[in-house]
C-alpha atoms as a PDB file:
ATOM      1  CA  MET A   1     -49.391 119.564  83.279  1.00  0.00           C
ATOM      2  CA  ALA A   2     -48.422 116.169  84.732  1.00  0.00           C
ATOM      3  CA  VAL A   3     -47.073 113.563  82.307  1.00  0.00           C
ATOM      4  CA  SER A   4     -48.650 110.125  82.758  1.00  0.00           C
ATOM      5  CA  ASP A   5     -47.368 108.442  79.624  1.00  0.00           C
ATOM      6  CA  PRO A   6     -45.476 105.346  80.860  1.00  0.00           C
ATOM      7  CA  THR A   7     -43.073 105.551  77.940  1.00  0.00           C
ATOM      8  CA  VAL A   8     -41.961 108.925  79.237  1.00  0.00           C
ATOM      9  CA  THR A   9     -41.898 107.874  82.910  1.00  0.00           C
ATOM     10  CA  SER A  10     -39.691 104.884  81.996  1.00  0.00           C
ATOM     11  CA  ARG A  11     -36.954 107.315  80.874  1.00  0.00           C
ATOM     12  CA  PHE A  12     -36.267 108.247  84.504  1.00  0.00           C
ATOM     13  CA  HIS A  13     -34.733 105.900  87.025  1.00  0.00           C
ATOM     14  CA  PHE A  14     -34.144 107.738  90.281  1.00  0.00           C
ATOM     15  CA  SER A  15     -36.660 107.337  93.064  1.00  0.00           C
ATOM     16  CA  ARG A  16     -36.679 108.247  96.733  1.00  0.00           C
ATOM     17  CA  GLU A  17     -36.828 104.555  97.585  1.00  0.00           C
ATOM     18  CA  MET A  18     -33.808 103.800  95.441  1.00  0.00           C
ATOM     19  CA  ILE A  19     -31.544 106.525  96.833  1.00  0.00           C
ATOM     20  CA  ALA A  20     -32.481 105.499 100.377  1.00  0.00           C
ATOM     21  CA  GLY A  21     -31.528 101.876  99.570  1.00  0.00           C
ATOM     22  CA  PRO A  22     -28.399  99.950 100.482  1.00  0.00           C
ATOM     23  CA  ILE A  23     -26.952  99.615  96.953  1.00  0.00           C
ATOM     24  CA  TYR A  24     -27.125 103.338  96.263  1.00  0.00           C
ATOM     25  CA  ARG A  25     -25.404 103.983  99.604  1.00  0.00           C
ATOM     26  CA  LYS A  26     -22.576 101.692  98.449  1.00  0.00           C
ATOM     27  CA  TYR A  27     -22.284 103.818  95.320  1.00  0.00           C
ATOM     28  CA  GLU A  28     -22.006 106.954  97.454  1.00  0.00           C
ATOM     29  CA  LYS A  29     -19.346 105.338  99.661  1.00  0.00           C
ATOM     30  CA  ALA A  30     -17.343 104.225  96.625  1.00  0.00           C
ATOM     31  CA  ILE A  31     -17.277 107.815  95.355  1.00  0.00           C
ATOM     32  CA  ARG A  32     -16.074 109.084  98.752  1.00  0.00           C
ATOM     33  CA  LYS A  33     -13.371 106.421  99.012  1.00  0.00           C
ATOM     34  CA  MET A  34     -11.670 107.002  95.676  1.00  0.00           C
ATOM     35  CA  TRP A  35      -7.878 106.787  95.622  1.00  0.00           C
ATOM     36  CA  SER A  36      -5.239 107.064  92.909  1.00  0.00           C
ATOM     37  CA  VAL A  37      -2.347 104.744  92.134  1.00  0.00           C
ATOM     38  CA  GLU A  38      -0.227 107.823  91.296  1.00  0.00           C
ATOM     39  CA  ASP A  39      -0.434 108.918  94.934  1.00  0.00           C
ATOM     40  CA  ILE A  40       1.527 105.848  96.009  1.00  0.00           C
ATOM     41  CA  ASP A  41       5.313 106.167  96.274  1.00  0.00           C
ATOM     42  CA  PHE A  42       7.082 102.997  95.069  1.00  0.00           C
ATOM     43  CA  GLY A  43      10.583 104.192  95.896  1.00  0.00           C
ATOM     44  CA  GLN A  44      11.151 102.291  99.138  1.00  0.00           C
ATOM     45  CA  ASP A  45       9.726  99.119  97.618  1.00  0.00           C
ATOM     46  CA  ALA A  46      12.300  99.366  94.805  1.00  0.00           C
ATOM     47  CA  LEU A  47      15.046  99.602  97.444  1.00  0.00           C
ATOM     48  CA  ASP A  48      13.606  96.688  99.403  1.00  0.00           C
ATOM     49  CA  TRP A  49      13.482  94.570  96.248  1.00  0.00           C
ATOM     50  CA  GLU A  50      17.235  95.019  95.836  1.00  0.00           C
ATOM     51  CA  ARG A  51      18.003  93.808  99.369  1.00  0.00           C
ATOM     52  CA  ILE A  52      15.825  90.684  99.659  1.00  0.00           C
ATOM     53  CA  THR A  53      17.112  87.234  98.699  1.00  0.00           C
ATOM     54  CA  PRO A  54      16.386  85.486  95.392  1.00  0.00           C
ATOM     55  CA  GLU A  55      14.217  82.973  97.284  1.00  0.00           C
ATOM     56  CA  GLN A  56      12.169  85.786  98.802  1.00  0.00           C
ATOM     57  CA  ARG A  57      11.759  87.405  95.382  1.00  0.00           C
ATOM     58  CA  THR A  58      10.477  84.143  93.954  1.00  0.00           C
ATOM     59  CA  GLY A  59       8.060  83.630  96.774  1.00  0.00           C
ATOM     60  CA  LEU A  60       6.656  87.163  96.664  1.00  0.00           C
ATOM     61  CA  LEU A  61       6.290  87.170  92.881  1.00  0.00           C
ATOM     62  CA  GLY A  62       4.399  83.914  93.132  1.00  0.00           C
ATOM     63  CA  VAL A  63       1.680  85.913  94.855  1.00  0.00           C
ATOM     64  CA  THR A  64       1.866  89.324  93.196  1.00  0.00           C
ATOM     65  CA  VAL A  65       1.919  88.073  89.589  1.00  0.00           C
ATOM     66  CA  ARG A  66      -1.187  85.976  90.233  1.00  0.00           C
ATOM     67  CA  PHE A  67      -2.890  89.128  91.523  1.00  0.00           C
ATOM     68  CA  LEU A  68      -1.727  91.112  88.471  1.00  0.00           C
ATOM     69  CA  ALA A  69      -3.305  88.521  86.160  1.00  0.00           C
ATOM     70  CA  GLY A  70      -6.373  88.064  88.362  1.00  0.00           C
ATOM     71  CA  GLU A  71      -7.278  91.732  88.585  1.00  0.00           C
ATOM     72  CA  GLN A  72      -7.100  92.048  84.792  1.00  0.00           C
ATOM     73  CA  ALA A  73      -9.305  88.953  84.430  1.00  0.00           C
ATOM     74  CA  VAL A  74     -12.010  90.095  86.811  1.00  0.00           C
ATOM     75  CA  THR A  75     -12.089  93.561  85.166  1.00  0.00           C
ATOM     76  CA  ASP A  76     -12.905  91.850  81.905  1.00  0.00           C
ATOM     77  CA  GLU A  77     -15.622  89.674  83.487  1.00  0.00           C
ATOM     78  CA  LEU A  78     -17.826  92.482  84.847  1.00  0.00           C
ATOM     79  CA  VAL A  79     -19.767  93.179  81.667  1.00  0.00           C
ATOM     80  CA  PRO A  80     -22.418  90.462  82.251  1.00  0.00           C
ATOM     81  CA  MET A  81     -23.280  91.969  85.653  1.00  0.00           C
ATOM     82  CA  LEU A  82     -23.749  95.393  84.090  1.00  0.00           C
ATOM     83  CA  ALA A  83     -25.893  93.930  81.324  1.00  0.00           C
ATOM     84  CA  ALA A  84     -28.019  92.092  83.837  1.00  0.00           C
ATOM     85  CA  ALA A  85     -28.497  95.162  86.025  1.00  0.00           C
ATOM     86  CA  HIS A  86     -29.707  97.066  82.925  1.00  0.00           C
ATOM     87  CA  ARG A  87     -32.027  94.219  81.890  1.00  0.00           C
ATOM     88  CA  LEU A  88     -33.520  93.984  85.406  1.00  0.00           C
ATOM     89  CA  ARG A  89     -34.032  97.764  85.464  1.00  0.00           C
ATOM     90  CA  ARG A  90     -31.980  98.244  88.618  1.00  0.00           C
ATOM     91  CA  PHE A  91     -30.310 101.567  87.995  1.00  0.00           C
ATOM     92  CA  ASP A  92     -28.733 101.726  91.451  1.00  0.00           C
ATOM     93  CA  TRP A  93     -26.936  98.431  90.664  1.00  0.00           C
ATOM     94  CA  THR A  94     -25.702  99.892  87.394  1.00  0.00           C
ATOM     95  CA  MET A  95     -24.380 103.009  89.174  1.00  0.00           C
ATOM     96  CA  PHE A  96     -22.527 100.954  91.769  1.00  0.00           C
ATOM     97  CA  LEU A  97     -21.149  98.574  89.116  1.00  0.00           C
ATOM     98  CA  ALA A  98     -19.718 101.568  87.267  1.00  0.00           C
ATOM     99  CA  THR A  99     -17.520 102.245  90.312  1.00  0.00           C
ATOM    100  CA  PHE A 100     -16.844  98.499  90.665  1.00  0.00           C
ATOM    101  CA  LEU A 101     -15.473  98.285  87.121  1.00  0.00           C
ATOM    102  CA  MET A 102     -13.344 101.402  87.578  1.00  0.00           C
ATOM    103  CA  GLU A 103     -11.919 100.046  90.840  1.00  0.00           C
ATOM    104  CA  GLU A 104     -11.027  96.663  89.359  1.00  0.00           C
ATOM    105  CA  ALA A 105      -9.233  98.400  86.515  1.00  0.00           C
ATOM    106  CA  LYS A 106      -7.403 100.549  89.112  1.00  0.00           C
ATOM    107  CA  HIS A 107      -6.360  97.430  91.015  1.00  0.00           C
ATOM    108  CA  ALA A 108      -4.920  96.039  87.793  1.00  0.00           C
ATOM    109  CA  GLU A 109      -3.125  99.362  87.315  1.00  0.00           C
ATOM    110  CA  PHE A 110      -1.665  99.220  90.809  1.00  0.00           C
ATOM    111  CA  PHE A 111      -0.135  95.754  90.242  1.00  0.00           C
ATOM    112  CA  MET A 112       1.107  96.826  86.803  1.00  0.00           C
ATOM    113  CA  ARG A 113       2.832  99.856  88.275  1.00  0.00           C
ATOM    114  CA  TRP A 114       4.298  97.917  91.195  1.00  0.00           C
ATOM    115  CA  HIS A 115       5.811  95.280  88.921  1.00  0.00           C
ATOM    116  CA  GLU A 116       7.059  97.949  86.517  1.00  0.00           C
ATOM    117  CA  ARG A 117       8.613 100.328  89.068  1.00  0.00           C
ATOM    118  CA  VAL A 118       9.787  97.789  91.674  1.00  0.00           C
ATOM    119  CA  VAL A 119      10.585  94.566  89.832  1.00  0.00           C
ATOM    120  CA  GLY A 120      11.201  96.016  86.361  1.00  0.00           C
ATOM    121  CA  VAL A 121       8.768  93.859  84.444  1.00  0.00           C
ATOM    122  CA  LEU A 122       5.850  95.162  82.436  1.00  0.00           C
ATOM    123  CA  ASP A 123       5.249  93.529  79.039  1.00  0.00           C
ATOM    124  CA  PRO A 124       3.267  90.246  79.009  1.00  0.00           C
ATOM    125  CA  GLU A 125       6.222  88.064  78.102  1.00  0.00           C
ATOM    126  CA  GLU A 126       8.241  89.581  80.993  1.00  0.00           C
ATOM    127  CA  VAL A 127       5.573  89.084  83.615  1.00  0.00           C
ATOM    128  CA  ALA A 128       4.541  85.630  82.350  1.00  0.00           C
ATOM    129  CA  ARG A 129       7.928  84.175  83.274  1.00  0.00           C
ATOM    130  CA  HIS A 130       6.968  84.545  86.950  1.00  0.00           C
ATOM    131  CA  PHE A 131       3.459  83.133  86.655  1.00  0.00           C
ATOM    132  CA  LEU A 132       2.953  79.895  88.635  1.00  0.00           C
ATOM    133  CA  VAL A 133       1.363  77.642  86.018  1.00  0.00           C
ATOM    134  CA  ARG A 134      -0.901  75.110  87.658  1.00  0.00           C
ATOM    135  CA  GLY A 135      -0.144  71.478  86.898  1.00  0.00           C
ATOM    136  CA  LYS A 136      -2.187  68.462  87.977  1.00  0.00           C
ATOM    137  CA  THR A 137      -3.298  68.804  91.569  1.00  0.00           C
ATOM    138  CA  VAL A 138      -2.785  65.814  93.803  1.00  0.00           C
ATOM    139  CA  ASP A 139      -5.364  65.173  96.508  1.00  0.00           C
ATOM    140  CA  PRO A 140      -4.257  62.254  98.681  1.00  0.00           C
ATOM    141  CA  THR A 141      -7.839  61.478  99.725  1.00  0.00           C
ATOM    142  CA  GLY A 142      -9.025  61.145  96.129  1.00  0.00           C
ATOM    143  CA  ARG A 143     -12.203  63.027  97.054  1.00  0.00           C
ATOM    144  CA  PHE A 144     -11.608  66.325  95.332  1.00  0.00           C
ATOM    145  CA  THR A 145     -10.923  67.654  91.902  1.00  0.00           C
ATOM    146  CA  VAL A 146      -9.583  71.129  91.241  1.00  0.00           C
ATOM    147  CA  ARG A 147     -10.799  73.371  88.456  1.00  0.00           C
ATOM    148  CA  ASP A 148      -9.727  76.848  87.360  1.00  0.00           C
ATOM    149  CA  VAL A 149     -12.185  79.239  88.961  1.00  0.00           C
ATOM    150  CA  MET A 150     -10.846  82.448  87.443  1.00  0.00           C
ATOM    151  CA  TYR A 151     -10.403  81.316  83.877  1.00  0.00           C
ATOM    152  CA  GLU A 152     -13.124  78.649  83.698  1.00  0.00           C
ATOM    153  CA  ALA A 153     -15.931  79.451  86.157  1.00  0.00           C
ATOM    154  CA  LEU A 154     -16.221  83.212  85.612  1.00  0.00           C
ATOM    155  CA  PRO A 155     -16.350  83.052  81.781  1.00  0.00           C
ATOM    156  CA  ASP A 156     -18.751  80.102  81.989  1.00  0.00           C
ATOM    157  CA  TYR A 157     -21.201  81.715  84.419  1.00  0.00           C
ATOM    158  CA  GLY A 158     -20.766  85.037  82.703  1.00  0.00           C
ATOM    159  CA  GLY A 159     -21.670  83.487  79.375  1.00  0.00           C
ATOM    160  CA  ARG A 160     -24.782  81.937  80.868  1.00  0.00           C
ATOM    161  CA  LEU A 161     -25.780  85.296  82.331  1.00  0.00           C
ATOM    162  CA  MET A 162     -25.361  87.067  78.979  1.00  0.00           C
ATOM    163  CA  GLU A 163     -27.446  84.403  77.254  1.00  0.00           C
ATOM    164  CA  ALA A 164     -30.180  84.963  79.795  1.00  0.00           C
ATOM    165  CA  VAL A 165     -29.955  88.732  79.346  1.00  0.00           C
ATOM    166  CA  HIS A 166     -30.340  88.428  75.600  1.00  0.00           C
ATOM    167  CA  SER A 167     -33.041  85.756  75.388  1.00  0.00           C
ATOM    168  CA  GLY A 168     -34.219  84.621  78.806  1.00  0.00           C
ATOM    169  CA  THR A 169     -37.051  85.609  81.151  1.00  0.00           C
ATOM    170  CA  ASP A 170     -36.433  87.955  84.060  1.00  0.00           C
ATOM    171  CA  ALA A 171     -36.462  84.921  86.350  1.00  0.00           C
ATOM    172  CA  GLU A 172     -33.771  83.273  84.253  1.00  0.00           C
ATOM    173  CA  VAL A 173     -31.684  86.446  84.342  1.00  0.00           C
ATOM    174  CA  GLU A 174     -32.084  86.609  88.137  1.00  0.00           C
ATOM    175  CA  ARG A 175     -31.059  83.021  88.685  1.00  0.00           C
ATOM    176  CA  ALA A 176     -28.047  83.381  86.374  1.00  0.00           C
ATOM    177  CA  PHE A 177     -27.110  86.622  88.173  1.00  0.00           C
ATOM    178  CA  VAL A 178     -27.186  84.817  91.526  1.00  0.00           C
ATOM    179  CA  GLN A 179     -24.997  82.062  90.162  1.00  0.00           C
ATOM    180  CA  PHE A 180     -22.500  84.446  88.616  1.00  0.00           C
ATOM    181  CA  SER A 181     -22.360  86.632  91.718  1.00  0.00           C
ATOM    182  CA  ALA A 182     -21.964  83.541  93.914  1.00  0.00           C
ATOM    183  CA  ALA A 183     -18.974  82.532  91.817  1.00  0.00           C
ATOM    184  CA  TYR A 184     -17.453  86.022  91.513  1.00  0.00           C
ATOM    185  CA  ASN A 185     -18.318  88.014  94.634  1.00  0.00           C
ATOM    186  CA  ALA A 186     -18.970  85.241  97.169  1.00  0.00           C
ATOM    187  CA  PHE A 187     -16.511  82.495  96.096  1.00  0.00           C
ATOM    188  CA  VAL A 188     -13.555  84.164  94.323  1.00  0.00           C
ATOM    189  CA  GLU A 189     -13.523  87.577  95.976  1.00  0.00           C
ATOM    190  CA  GLY A 190     -15.361  86.713  99.144  1.00  0.00           C
ATOM    191  CA  VAL A 191     -13.678  83.512 100.281  1.00  0.00           C
ATOM    192  CA  LEU A 192     -10.850  82.228  98.092  1.00  0.00           C
ATOM    193  CA  THR A 193      -8.877  85.450  97.674  1.00  0.00           C
ATOM    194  CA  MET A 194      -9.344  86.920 101.169  1.00  0.00           C
ATOM    195  CA  PRO A 195      -6.509  84.862 102.802  1.00  0.00           C
ATOM    196  CA  SER A 196      -4.198  85.846  99.962  1.00  0.00           C
ATOM    197  CA  TYR A 197      -4.536  89.534 100.810  1.00  0.00           C
ATOM    198  CA  GLU A 198      -3.539  88.688 104.356  1.00  0.00           C
ATOM    199  CA  ILE A 199      -0.623  86.596 103.148  1.00  0.00           C
ATOM    200  CA  VAL A 200       0.899  89.618 101.365  1.00  0.00           C
ATOM    201  CA  ILE A 201       0.181  92.006 104.236  1.00  0.00           C
ATOM    202  CA  ASP A 202       1.649  89.526 106.757  1.00  0.00           C
ATOM    203  CA  THR A 203       4.721  89.022 104.539  1.00  0.00           C
ATOM    204  CA  THR A 204       5.471  92.731 104.190  1.00  0.00           C
ATOM    205  CA  GLU A 205       5.153  93.189 107.946  1.00  0.00           C
ATOM    206  CA  ARG A 206       7.214  90.108 108.737  1.00  0.00           C
ATOM    207  CA  TRP A 207       9.991  91.351 106.442  1.00  0.00           C
ATOM    208  CA  ASP A 208       9.519  95.027 107.494  1.00  0.00           C
ATOM    209  CA  ALA A 209       9.559  95.880 103.822  1.00  0.00           C
ATOM    210  CA  PHE A 210       7.478  96.980 100.801  1.00  0.00           C
ATOM    211  CA  PRO A 211       5.266  99.739 102.354  1.00  0.00           C
ATOM    212  CA  ALA A 212       3.732 100.575  98.960  1.00  0.00           C
ATOM    213  CA  LEU A 213       2.679  96.972  98.447  1.00  0.00           C
ATOM    214  CA  ASN A 214       1.221  96.891 101.952  1.00  0.00           C
ATOM    215  CA  ARG A 215      -0.671 100.122 101.398  1.00  0.00           C
ATOM    216  CA  GLY A 216      -1.926  99.060  97.991  1.00  0.00           C
ATOM    217  CA  PHE A 217      -3.244  95.752  99.325  1.00  0.00           C
ATOM    218  CA  ARG A 218      -5.041  97.526 102.172  1.00  0.00           C
ATOM    219  CA  LEU A 219      -6.661 100.003  99.780  1.00  0.00           C
ATOM    220  CA  ILE A 220      -7.677  97.204  97.412  1.00  0.00           C
ATOM    221  CA  LEU A 221      -9.036  95.173 100.322  1.00  0.00           C
ATOM    222  CA  SER A 222     -11.265  98.118 101.306  1.00  0.00           C
ATOM    223  CA  ASP A 223     -12.644  98.296  97.738  1.00  0.00           C
ATOM    224  CA  GLU A 224     -13.161  94.559  97.589  1.00  0.00           C
ATOM    225  CA  GLY A 225     -15.211  94.659 100.783  1.00  0.00           C
ATOM    226  CA  ARG A 226     -17.735  96.846  98.953  1.00  0.00           C
ATOM    227  CA  HIS A 227     -17.678  94.583  95.910  1.00  0.00           C
ATOM    228  CA  ILE A 228     -18.276  91.486  97.963  1.00  0.00           C
ATOM    229  CA  THR A 229     -21.136  92.928  99.973  1.00  0.00           C
ATOM    230  CA  PHE A 230     -22.733  94.390  96.854  1.00  0.00           C
ATOM    231  CA  GLY A 231     -22.799  90.935  95.301  1.00  0.00           C
ATOM    232  CA  THR A 232     -24.044  89.163  98.422  1.00  0.00           C
ATOM    233  CA  MET A 233     -26.646  91.889  99.018  1.00  0.00           C
ATOM    234  CA  ALA A 234     -27.875  91.645  95.443  1.00  0.00           C
ATOM    235  CA  CYS A 235     -28.138  87.870  95.843  1.00  0.00           C
ATOM    236  CA  ARG A 236     -30.066  88.328  99.100  1.00  0.00           C
ATOM    237  CA  ILE A 237     -32.527  90.711  97.384  1.00  0.00           C
ATOM    238  CA  LEU A 238     -33.136  88.164  94.632  1.00  0.00           C
ATOM    239  CA  LEU A 239     -33.304  85.236  97.064  1.00  0.00           C
ATOM    240  CA  GLU A 240     -35.924  87.008  99.129  1.00  0.00           C
ATOM    241  CA  LYS A 241     -37.924  87.363  95.918  1.00  0.00           C
ATOM    242  CA  ASP A 242     -37.469  83.671  95.001  1.00  0.00           C
ATOM    243  CA  PRO A 243     -35.862  81.374  97.633  1.00  0.00           C
ATOM    244  CA  SER A 244     -35.320  78.646  95.009  1.00  0.00           C
ATOM    245  CA  TYR A 245     -32.255  80.619  93.811  1.00  0.00           C
ATOM    246  CA  GLU A 246     -30.367  79.339  96.853  1.00  0.00           C
ATOM    247  CA  ASP A 247     -29.690  76.145  94.894  1.00  0.00           C
ATOM    248  CA  ALA A 248     -27.662  78.244  92.410  1.00  0.00           C
ATOM    249  CA  VAL A 249     -25.341  79.393  95.222  1.00  0.00           C
ATOM    250  CA  HIS A 250     -24.670  75.911  96.488  1.00  0.00           C
ATOM    251  CA  GLU A 251     -24.136  74.577  92.971  1.00  0.00           C
ATOM    252  CA  VAL A 252     -21.191  76.949  92.544  1.00  0.00           C
ATOM    253  CA  PHE A 253     -19.515  76.036  95.817  1.00  0.00           C
ATOM    254  CA  ASP A 254     -20.018  72.336  95.107  1.00  0.00           C
ATOM    255  CA  ALA A 255     -18.602  72.589  91.608  1.00  0.00           C
ATOM    256  CA  TYR A 256     -15.394  74.226  92.885  1.00  0.00           C
ATOM    257  CA  ARG A 257     -15.225  72.585  96.319  1.00  0.00           C
ATOM    258  CA  GLY A 258     -11.685  71.285  95.795  1.00  0.00           C
ATOM    259  CA  ASN A 259     -10.408  74.793  95.207  1.00  0.00           C
ATOM    260  CA  ILE A 260     -11.625  76.065  98.558  1.00  0.00           C
ATOM    261  CA  VAL A 261     -10.718  72.937 100.555  1.00  0.00           C
ATOM    262  CA  GLY A 262      -7.125  72.808  99.357  1.00  0.00           C
ATOM    263  CA  LEU A 263      -4.589  75.603  99.614  1.00  0.00           C
ATOM    264  CA  VAL A 264      -3.620  77.421  96.450  1.00  0.00           C
ATOM    265  CA  GLU A 265       0.023  77.351  95.415  1.00  0.00           C
ATOM    266  CA  TYR A 266       0.860  80.930  96.266  1.00  0.00           C
ATOM    267  CA  GLN A 267      -0.301  80.325  99.871  1.00  0.00           C
ATOM    268  CA  LYS A 268       2.830  78.230 100.247  1.00  0.00           C
ATOM    269  CA  ALA A 269       5.073  80.469  98.163  1.00  0.00           C
ATOM    270  CA  VAL A 270       6.298  82.459 101.141  1.00  0.00           C
ATOM    271  CA  PRO A 271       7.990  80.334 103.814  1.00  0.00           C
ATOM    272  CA  ASP A 272       7.171  80.347 107.555  1.00  0.00           C
ATOM    273  CA  LEU A 273       3.566  81.617 107.339  1.00  0.00           C
ATOM    274  CA  ASP A 274       0.891  80.099 109.507  1.00  0.00           C
ATOM    275  CA  LEU A 275      -1.132  78.198 106.934  1.00  0.00           C
ATOM    276  CA  ASP A 276      -3.770  77.077 109.460  1.00  0.00           C
ATOM    277  CA  LYS A 277      -4.571  80.738 110.000  1.00  0.00           C
ATOM    278  CA  TYR A 278      -5.561  81.101 106.377  1.00  0.00           C
ATOM    279  CA  GLN A 279      -7.716  77.975 106.362  1.00  0.00           C
ATOM    280  CA  THR A 280      -9.541  79.207 109.457  1.00  0.00           C
ATOM    281  CA  MET A 281      -9.941  82.561 107.714  1.00  0.00           C
ATOM    282  CA  LYS A 282     -11.634  80.841 104.740  1.00  0.00           C
ATOM    283  CA  VAL A 283     -14.210  79.356 107.045  1.00  0.00           C
ATOM    284  CA  ARG A 284     -14.958  82.706 108.677  1.00  0.00           C
ATOM    285  CA  HIS A 285     -15.349  84.382 105.283  1.00  0.00           C
ATOM    286  CA  TYR A 286     -17.525  81.515 103.969  1.00  0.00           C
ATOM    287  CA  ARG A 287     -19.854  81.810 106.960  1.00  0.00           C
ATOM    288  CA  ASN A 288     -20.029  85.591 106.463  1.00  0.00           C
ATOM    289  CA  ARG A 289     -20.861  85.319 102.785  1.00  0.00           C
ATOM    290  CA  CYS A 290     -23.614  82.778 103.509  1.00  0.00           C
ATOM    291  CA  ARG A 291     -25.083  85.011 106.234  1.00  0.00           C
ATOM    292  CA  GLU A 292     -24.989  88.054 103.925  1.00  0.00           C
ATOM    293  CA  MET A 293     -26.765  86.130 101.137  1.00  0.00           C
ATOM    294  CA  GLY A 294     -29.265  84.563 103.509  1.00  0.00           C
ATOM    295  CA  VAL A 295     -28.305  80.967 102.674  1.00  0.00           C
ATOM    296  CA  ALA A 296     -27.513  78.077 104.990  1.00  0.00           C
ATOM    297  CA  PRO A 297     -23.771  77.259 105.069  1.00  0.00           C
ATOM    298  CA  ASP A 298     -22.641  73.778 104.043  1.00  0.00           C
ATOM    299  CA  GLU A 299     -21.297  72.407 107.354  1.00  0.00           C
ATOM    300  CA  THR A 300     -19.613  69.498 105.543  1.00  0.00           C
ATOM    301  CA  LEU A 301     -17.622  71.955 103.446  1.00  0.00           C
ATOM    302  CA  ILE A 302     -16.490  73.752 106.617  1.00  0.00           C
ATOM    303  CA  GLU A 303     -15.375  70.485 108.189  1.00  0.00           C
ATOM    304  CA  GLN A 304     -13.403  69.612 105.039  1.00  0.00           C
ATOM    305  CA  ILE A 305     -11.642  72.987 104.931  1.00  0.00           C
ATOM    306  CA  LEU A 306     -10.502  72.497 108.564  1.00  0.00           C
ATOM    307  CA  ASP A 307      -9.736  68.770 108.312  1.00  0.00           C
ATOM    308  CA  PRO A 308      -5.926  68.390 108.711  1.00  0.00           C
ATOM    309  CA  SER A 309      -6.019  65.012 107.004  1.00  0.00           C
ATOM    310  CA  ILE A 310      -7.066  66.681 103.757  1.00  0.00           C
ATOM    311  CA  ASP A 311      -3.734  68.163 102.719  1.00  0.00           C
ATOM    312  CA  PHE A 312      -3.189  69.169  99.145  1.00  0.00           C
ATOM    313  CA  VAL A 313      -2.080  72.311  97.305  1.00  0.00           C
ATOM    314  CA  VAL A 314      -3.605  73.493  94.078  1.00  0.00           C
ATOM    315  CA  GLY A 315      -0.970  73.135  91.376  1.00  0.00           C
ATOM    316  CA  VAL A 316       1.629  71.530  93.692  1.00  0.00           C
ATOM    317  CA  GLU A 317       2.300  68.036  94.954  1.00  0.00           C
ATOM    318  CA  ALA A 318       0.488  66.953  98.103  1.00  0.00           C
ATOM    319  CA  GLY A 319       1.832  67.654 101.573  1.00  0.00           C
END
């Protein structure tokens, strides 16, 4: 006999529409693309570490240690997205986010293992010695301020999202989700960090060294592509439901405009790289993220990123 009691029906989440949808397909792809840190051989990287100069070591660690800290931070910040997916009754989002969380933890593991087996540092006090602490950023134009996206924006927007999950309406949860995803998936992962992956890959190829680091970054970049497009696709779904949420996207990029216009310190940590390449890359990724979310790009922001007269480095003196 058919069960029509809605309290029973609500216990089941799969539907034909859901499993044919784009988010569930991302879950399936994530399962197919799984990789293990233990399959990566760090032996050649350890030999390469011994032969590079002290200046090269300092430059490379300026990038890799930031990634080690960053991957741990973003792993910790995923809980609000999971809570929101549950609250909004989007089980396919919850399924994908389960792979998302596992992959971010694995990325943190990769950087932990690389620093342990190649550099010989593991405990927090050992790694922290190589962390580029950001001082006051100097912008010669006086137009921009720089704030800490990773350790300020994500906890802030995540806290707002959790508040909405616990006591807000569905519309408030949706808007807070869009803002958090704009900060996390679109801004941090989707624009700001993308050039940094290329910096490491370019460095390893320029030095003809560190094959494990190169491979790890390429594997992580493949995972991050799914994370980014999950976030932008989720935003697009919610924006199509209520176009007023577009304001939440632009609020994030406005609040942290200085971070995306200026270079970050580790983009100058390795000498002789083409910095203009990475600024141009930011613009391409920004346009892609806007297109994926279905929002209009801020052309003024694009002009500022590419403006050679705006020359400052986050955490470093101007110039």
